[in-house]
Protein backbone atom coordinates (compact mmCIF):
# COMPACT_ATOMS: atom_id res chain seq x y z
CA MET A 1 0.03 0.03 0.05
CA PRO A 2 1.58 3.36 -1.03
CA ARG A 3 2.48 5.75 1.81
CA VAL A 4 0.27 8.78 2.22
CA LEU A 5 2.15 11.90 0.80
CA THR A 6 2.12 15.03 2.91
CA GLU A 7 1.89 18.46 1.27
CA ALA A 8 5.60 18.87 2.05
CA ASP A 9 6.33 15.53 0.20
CA VAL A 10 4.35 16.65 -2.80
CA ALA A 11 5.99 20.15 -2.84
CA ASP A 12 9.49 18.61 -2.55
CA PHE A 13 9.04 16.05 -5.35
CA ARG A 14 7.39 18.61 -7.72
CA GLU A 15 10.36 21.00 -7.11
CA ARG A 16 13.00 18.25 -7.83
CA LEU A 17 11.14 17.10 -10.90
CA CYS A 18 10.78 20.65 -12.19
CA THR A 19 14.54 21.26 -11.63
CA ALA A 20 15.43 18.11 -13.63
CA ALA A 21 12.81 18.93 -16.29
CA GLU A 22 14.04 22.46 -16.84
CA ARG A 23 17.47 21.31 -17.67
CA LEU A 24 16.33 18.45 -19.96
CA PHE A 25 13.80 20.61 -21.78
CA ALA A 26 16.29 23.37 -22.37
CA GLU A 27 19.03 21.03 -23.53
CA ARG A 28 16.96 18.72 -25.74
CA GLY A 29 13.75 20.68 -26.44
CA PRO A 30 10.40 19.57 -24.77
CA ASP A 31 9.45 17.23 -27.63
CA ALA A 32 12.50 15.12 -27.27
CA VAL A 33 12.06 14.49 -23.53
CA THR A 34 9.75 11.74 -22.23
CA MET A 35 8.11 11.10 -18.86
CA ARG A 36 10.11 8.04 -18.60
CA GLN A 37 13.39 10.00 -18.98
CA LEU A 38 12.19 12.47 -16.26
CA ALA A 39 11.52 9.59 -13.97
CA ALA A 40 14.95 8.14 -14.58
CA GLU A 41 16.59 11.44 -13.75
CA LEU A 42 15.14 11.19 -10.30
CA GLY A 43 15.55 7.46 -9.86
CA VAL A 44 11.92 6.72 -9.56
CA SER A 45 9.49 4.37 -11.46
CA PRO A 46 8.11 5.61 -14.85
CA MET A 47 4.59 6.06 -13.36
CA THR A 48 5.71 8.16 -10.38
CA PRO A 49 5.67 11.60 -12.06
CA TYR A 50 1.95 10.97 -12.94
CA ARG A 51 1.04 11.22 -9.33
CA TYR A 52 2.23 14.79 -9.26
CA PHE A 53 1.54 16.07 -12.78
CA GLN A 54 -1.05 15.21 -15.42
CA ASP A 55 1.40 14.98 -18.29
CA LYS A 56 4.62 16.44 -19.65
CA ASN A 57 2.89 19.61 -20.76
CA ASP A 58 1.71 20.11 -17.21
CA ILE A 59 5.40 19.78 -16.06
CA LEU A 60 6.53 22.22 -18.76
CA ALA A 61 3.82 24.78 -17.71
CA ALA A 62 4.99 24.42 -14.08
CA VAL A 63 8.69 24.95 -14.99
CA ARG A 64 7.91 28.01 -17.14
CA ALA A 65 5.54 29.51 -14.48
CA ASN A 66 8.27 29.11 -11.94
CA GLY A 67 10.79 30.78 -14.28
CA PHE A 68 8.58 33.81 -15.02
CA ASN A 69 7.87 34.35 -11.40
CA ARG A 70 11.55 34.16 -10.45
CA PHE A 71 12.37 36.49 -13.29
CA ALA A 72 9.65 39.00 -12.30
CA GLU A 73 10.69 38.91 -8.68
CA ALA A 74 14.38 39.74 -9.65
CA LEU A 75 13.15 42.76 -11.76
CA GLU A 76 10.61 43.91 -9.10
CA LYS A 77 13.31 43.89 -6.36
CA ALA A 78 15.65 45.86 -8.66
CA ARG A 79 13.03 48.53 -9.18
CA ASP A 80 11.76 48.72 -5.63
CA ARG A 81 15.08 48.66 -3.83
CA THR A 82 17.15 51.01 -5.99
CA ALA A 83 17.51 54.45 -4.56
CA GLY A 84 17.38 57.41 -6.81
CA ASP A 85 15.25 58.56 -9.69
CA ALA A 86 13.54 56.72 -12.52
CA ARG A 87 16.75 56.60 -14.48
CA HIS A 88 18.59 54.74 -11.72
CA LYS A 89 15.60 52.32 -11.27
CA GLY A 90 15.35 51.65 -15.04
CA ALA A 91 19.12 50.94 -15.22
CA ALA A 92 18.84 48.54 -12.25
CA VAL A 93 15.87 46.70 -13.94
CA GLY A 94 17.88 46.33 -17.13
CA ASP A 95 20.93 44.98 -15.20
CA ALA A 96 18.64 42.55 -13.33
CA TYR A 97 17.31 41.38 -16.64
CA VAL A 98 20.66 40.57 -18.13
CA THR A 99 21.99 39.06 -14.96
CA PHE A 100 19.07 36.80 -14.56
CA ALA A 101 19.23 35.53 -18.10
CA LEU A 102 22.95 34.79 -18.02
CA GLU A 103 22.79 33.14 -14.51
CA HIS A 104 19.74 30.96 -15.51
CA PRO A 105 20.11 30.23 -19.26
CA HIS A 106 17.94 27.14 -19.09
CA THR A 107 15.08 29.02 -17.38
CA TYR A 108 15.51 32.00 -19.79
CA LYS A 109 15.38 29.71 -22.87
CA LEU A 110 12.20 27.99 -21.78
CA MET A 111 10.50 31.34 -20.95
CA PHE A 112 11.19 33.13 -24.12
CA ASP A 113 12.27 30.69 -26.83
CA LEU A 114 9.09 28.61 -27.15
CA ASN A 115 5.31 28.87 -27.35
CA GLN A 116 3.63 26.12 -25.41
CA PRO A 117 0.46 24.69 -26.93
CA ASP A 118 -2.71 25.44 -24.99
CA GLU A 119 -0.87 27.85 -22.72
CA GLY A 120 -4.31 29.36 -21.71
CA ASP A 121 -5.17 25.94 -19.97
CA TYR A 122 -2.62 26.70 -17.31
CA PRO A 123 -3.83 29.68 -15.11
CA GLU A 124 -0.62 29.79 -13.02
CA LEU A 125 1.44 30.08 -16.30
CA VAL A 126 -0.82 32.78 -17.66
CA GLU A 127 -0.66 34.76 -14.38
CA ALA A 128 3.16 34.38 -14.09
CA GLY A 129 3.66 35.53 -17.75
CA ARG A 130 1.48 38.54 -17.16
CA ARG A 131 3.51 39.43 -14.01
CA ALA A 132 6.79 39.10 -15.98
CA ARG A 133 5.38 41.36 -18.82
CA ALA A 134 4.39 44.02 -16.35
CA THR A 135 7.99 44.19 -15.10
CA LEU A 136 8.98 45.09 -18.54
CA ARG A 137 6.53 47.95 -18.68
CA ASP A 138 6.28 49.32 -15.21
CA TYR A 139 9.79 50.92 -15.10
CA VAL A 140 9.05 52.52 -18.48
CA GLN A 141 6.00 54.06 -17.05
CA ASP A 142 8.27 55.55 -14.18
CA LEU A 143 10.49 57.07 -16.87
CA ILE A 144 7.50 58.57 -18.76
CA ALA A 145 5.93 59.87 -15.56
CA GLY A 146 9.23 61.46 -14.63
CA GLY A 147 9.56 63.20 -17.93
CA VAL A 148 12.57 61.18 -19.08
CA LEU A 149 10.84 59.50 -22.07
CA ALA A 150 7.72 60.20 -24.11
CA GLY A 151 5.77 57.58 -25.83
CA ASP A 152 3.65 54.52 -25.44
CA PRO A 153 4.93 52.47 -22.46
CA GLU A 154 4.06 49.10 -24.06
CA GLN A 155 5.86 49.94 -27.31
CA ILE A 156 8.85 51.47 -25.44
CA GLY A 157 9.02 48.48 -23.20
CA ALA A 158 9.06 46.06 -26.10
CA MET A 159 11.94 48.09 -27.66
CA PHE A 160 14.03 47.79 -24.49
CA TRP A 161 13.09 44.20 -24.15
CA ALA A 162 14.16 43.44 -27.78
CA ALA A 163 17.45 45.10 -27.11
CA ALA A 164 18.13 43.17 -23.90
CA HIS A 165 16.95 39.82 -25.46
CA GLY A 166 19.26 40.33 -28.41
CA CYS A 167 22.31 41.06 -26.23
CA VAL A 168 21.62 38.10 -23.94
CA VAL A 169 20.98 35.55 -26.82
CA LEU A 170 24.20 36.66 -28.58
CA GLU A 171 26.25 36.10 -25.50
CA LEU A 172 24.66 32.79 -24.55
CA ALA A 173 25.33 31.62 -28.15
CA GLY A 174 29.02 32.55 -27.81
CA LYS A 175 28.72 35.28 -30.43
CA LEU A 176 29.70 37.97 -27.92
CA PRO A 177 32.63 37.61 -25.42
CA PRO A 178 31.52 36.82 -21.85
CA GLY A 179 30.38 39.94 -20.03
CA THR A 180 29.79 41.91 -23.22
CA ALA A 181 25.89 41.69 -23.12
CA LYS A 182 25.47 43.97 -20.14
CA GLU A 183 27.86 46.58 -21.57
CA LEU A 184 26.14 46.39 -24.92
CA HIS A 185 22.74 46.58 -23.30
CA HIS A 186 23.72 49.83 -21.47
CA SER A 187 24.83 51.42 -24.80
CA LEU A 188 21.74 50.36 -26.70
CA GLY A 189 19.52 51.59 -23.75
CA GLN A 190 21.24 55.05 -23.81
CA ALA A 191 20.80 55.25 -27.60
CA ILE A 192 17.15 54.25 -27.50
CA SER A 193 16.47 56.72 -24.67
CA ARG A 194 18.05 59.61 -26.55
CA GLY A 195 15.65 59.07 -29.33
CA LEU A 196 12.64 58.87 -27.01
CA ARG A 197 13.21 61.99 -24.92
CA PRO A 198 10.34 64.57 -24.90
CA GLY A 199 10.71 66.85 -27.90
CA ALA A 200 13.26 64.70 -29.60
CA ALA A 201 13.19 64.98 -33.41
């Protein structure tokens, strides 16, 4: 008779399984990973993961939701804890973005390099994605409110996001020397900001 699992047992196994899945999904692609392989990574029977998750897509959604929430938390902390004006806070958010991506490349890849089928079926993933997108817009609203930039916060946020993402992906792919992404991101951010100043031609 199988033992009764406590909430702590369930949470611990789910976390360990998601950690293993994150690495395998990023290295091989979700389609190339099986539930049997995930079970083998943890040394459990092939059916054990099904006690905690409905299927592989359920695991992928949990992994990505966790990633988006950790990412959002890092950017929120950078914005909230940085002293100074909107410029300082915006720079801190940009640094936090690049730092997170380079320190957690598997997480970052799963967050932004794939579209998961039926994503709307996973409310926690939808909410985590919404929270992450807000972090890429809120600091821009600070800059607009402070008179530093002028324009639509969604569009400007997407511009800064595209710049940061491009720098990160190039460094992760070995196309830029280590440490270059953050420096290049600063330069791109300054160039974009100059063109978005109130009254800029």
